[in-house]
Amino acid sequence: MPGVLRAAFRGYDKAEVLRRIDTLNVLLMGLEEGLITKEEALEQSEEAVSAPIKTVFSGFNKEDTDSYVAELRERILYWTSK
């Protein structure tokens, strides 16, 4: 997982990226603590990942963001496969 989401010209909207990462982290914590079902986590994480992120003049680097989101999704998939 990247340690930093770098700023970039013509990058992803920062607020949208942070909301997406927060959503995925909440789902991951819910899975780890048994607060949500595997099916709910899969459905909600798929919705979060599949929604497009708006590109803005100054935002987060797209590659960093895509990598971070993919890793969070993989961790959710790992927990749902247990």
Protein backbone atom coordinates (compact mmCIF):
# COMPACT_ATOMS: atom_id res chain seq x y z
CA MET A 1 0.00 0.00 0.00
CA PRO A 2 1.41 3.41 -0.84
CA GLY A 3 2.46 5.50 2.12
CA VAL A 4 1.42 8.71 0.44
CA LEU A 5 -1.12 9.78 -2.14
CA ARG A 6 0.82 12.28 -4.18
CA ALA A 7 -0.76 15.42 -5.58
CA ALA A 8 -1.00 15.60 -9.35
CA PHE A 9 -2.03 17.95 -12.10
CA ARG A 10 -5.25 16.50 -13.60
CA GLY A 11 -5.61 14.00 -10.77
CA TYR A 12 -8.56 12.45 -8.98
CA ASP A 13 -10.77 14.68 -6.84
CA LYS A 14 -9.31 14.54 -3.34
CA ALA A 15 -12.64 14.55 -1.48
CA GLU A 16 -13.99 11.67 -3.59
CA VAL A 17 -10.80 9.65 -3.10
CA LEU A 18 -10.85 10.15 0.66
CA ARG A 19 -14.54 9.15 0.84
CA ARG A 20 -13.82 5.99 -1.17
CA ILE A 21 -10.85 5.03 0.98
CA ASP A 22 -12.85 5.72 4.13
CA THR A 23 -15.73 3.55 2.87
CA LEU A 24 -13.40 0.66 2.09
CA ASN A 25 -11.62 0.96 5.45
CA VAL A 26 -14.96 0.95 7.30
CA LEU A 27 -16.00 -2.17 5.39
CA LEU A 28 -12.68 -3.85 6.17
CA MET A 29 -12.94 -3.04 9.87
CA GLY A 30 -16.55 -4.24 9.91
CA LEU A 31 -15.48 -7.55 8.40
CA GLU A 32 -12.58 -7.97 10.80
CA GLU A 33 -14.84 -7.27 13.79
CA GLY A 34 -17.76 -9.34 12.50
CA LEU A 35 -20.11 -6.36 12.28
CA ILE A 36 -21.14 -6.90 8.65
CA THR A 37 -21.69 -9.97 6.55
CA LYS A 38 -19.34 -11.07 3.81
CA GLU A 39 -22.09 -10.52 1.24
CA GLU A 40 -22.69 -6.95 2.40
CA ALA A 41 -18.97 -6.20 2.31
CA LEU A 42 -18.60 -7.61 -1.21
CA GLU A 43 -21.60 -5.72 -2.53
CA GLN A 44 -20.72 -2.40 -0.93
CA SER A 45 -17.02 -2.62 -1.84
CA GLU A 46 -17.90 -3.40 -5.46
CA GLU A 47 -20.17 -0.33 -5.56
CA ALA A 48 -17.43 1.84 -4.08
CA VAL A 49 -14.74 0.58 -6.44
CA SER A 50 -16.81 0.63 -9.63
CA ALA A 51 -17.98 4.24 -9.35
CA PRO A 52 -15.86 6.60 -11.45
CA ILE A 53 -13.84 9.29 -9.70
CA LYS A 54 -13.98 12.80 -11.09
CA THR A 55 -10.74 14.21 -12.51
CA VAL A 56 -9.88 17.74 -11.42
CA PHE A 57 -7.21 20.33 -12.11
CA SER A 58 -5.29 19.50 -8.94
CA GLY A 59 -5.99 16.18 -7.22
CA PHE A 60 -4.44 12.91 -6.14
CA ASN A 61 -2.16 10.97 -8.46
CA LYS A 62 -4.29 8.45 -10.36
CA GLU A 63 -1.81 5.57 -10.19
CA ASP A 64 -1.30 5.99 -6.42
CA THR A 65 -5.04 6.10 -5.87
CA ASP A 66 -5.82 3.12 -8.11
CA SER A 67 -3.12 1.06 -6.37
CA TYR A 68 -4.35 2.00 -2.88
CA VAL A 69 -7.99 1.26 -3.70
CA ALA A 70 -7.06 -2.06 -5.35
CA GLU A 71 -5.10 -3.14 -2.29
CA LEU A 72 -7.98 -2.30 0.04
CA ARG A 73 -10.36 -4.23 -2.23
CA GLU A 74 -7.98 -7.22 -2.20
CA ARG A 75 -7.92 -7.16 1.60
CA ILE A 76 -11.73 -7.15 1.65
CA LEU A 77 -11.79 -10.07 -0.80
CA TYR A 78 -9.33 -11.93 1.44
CA TRP A 79 -11.55 -11.47 4.49
CA THR A 80 -14.66 -12.56 2.59
CA SER A 81 -12.93 -15.74 1.42
CA LYS A 82 -12.28 -16.97 4.98
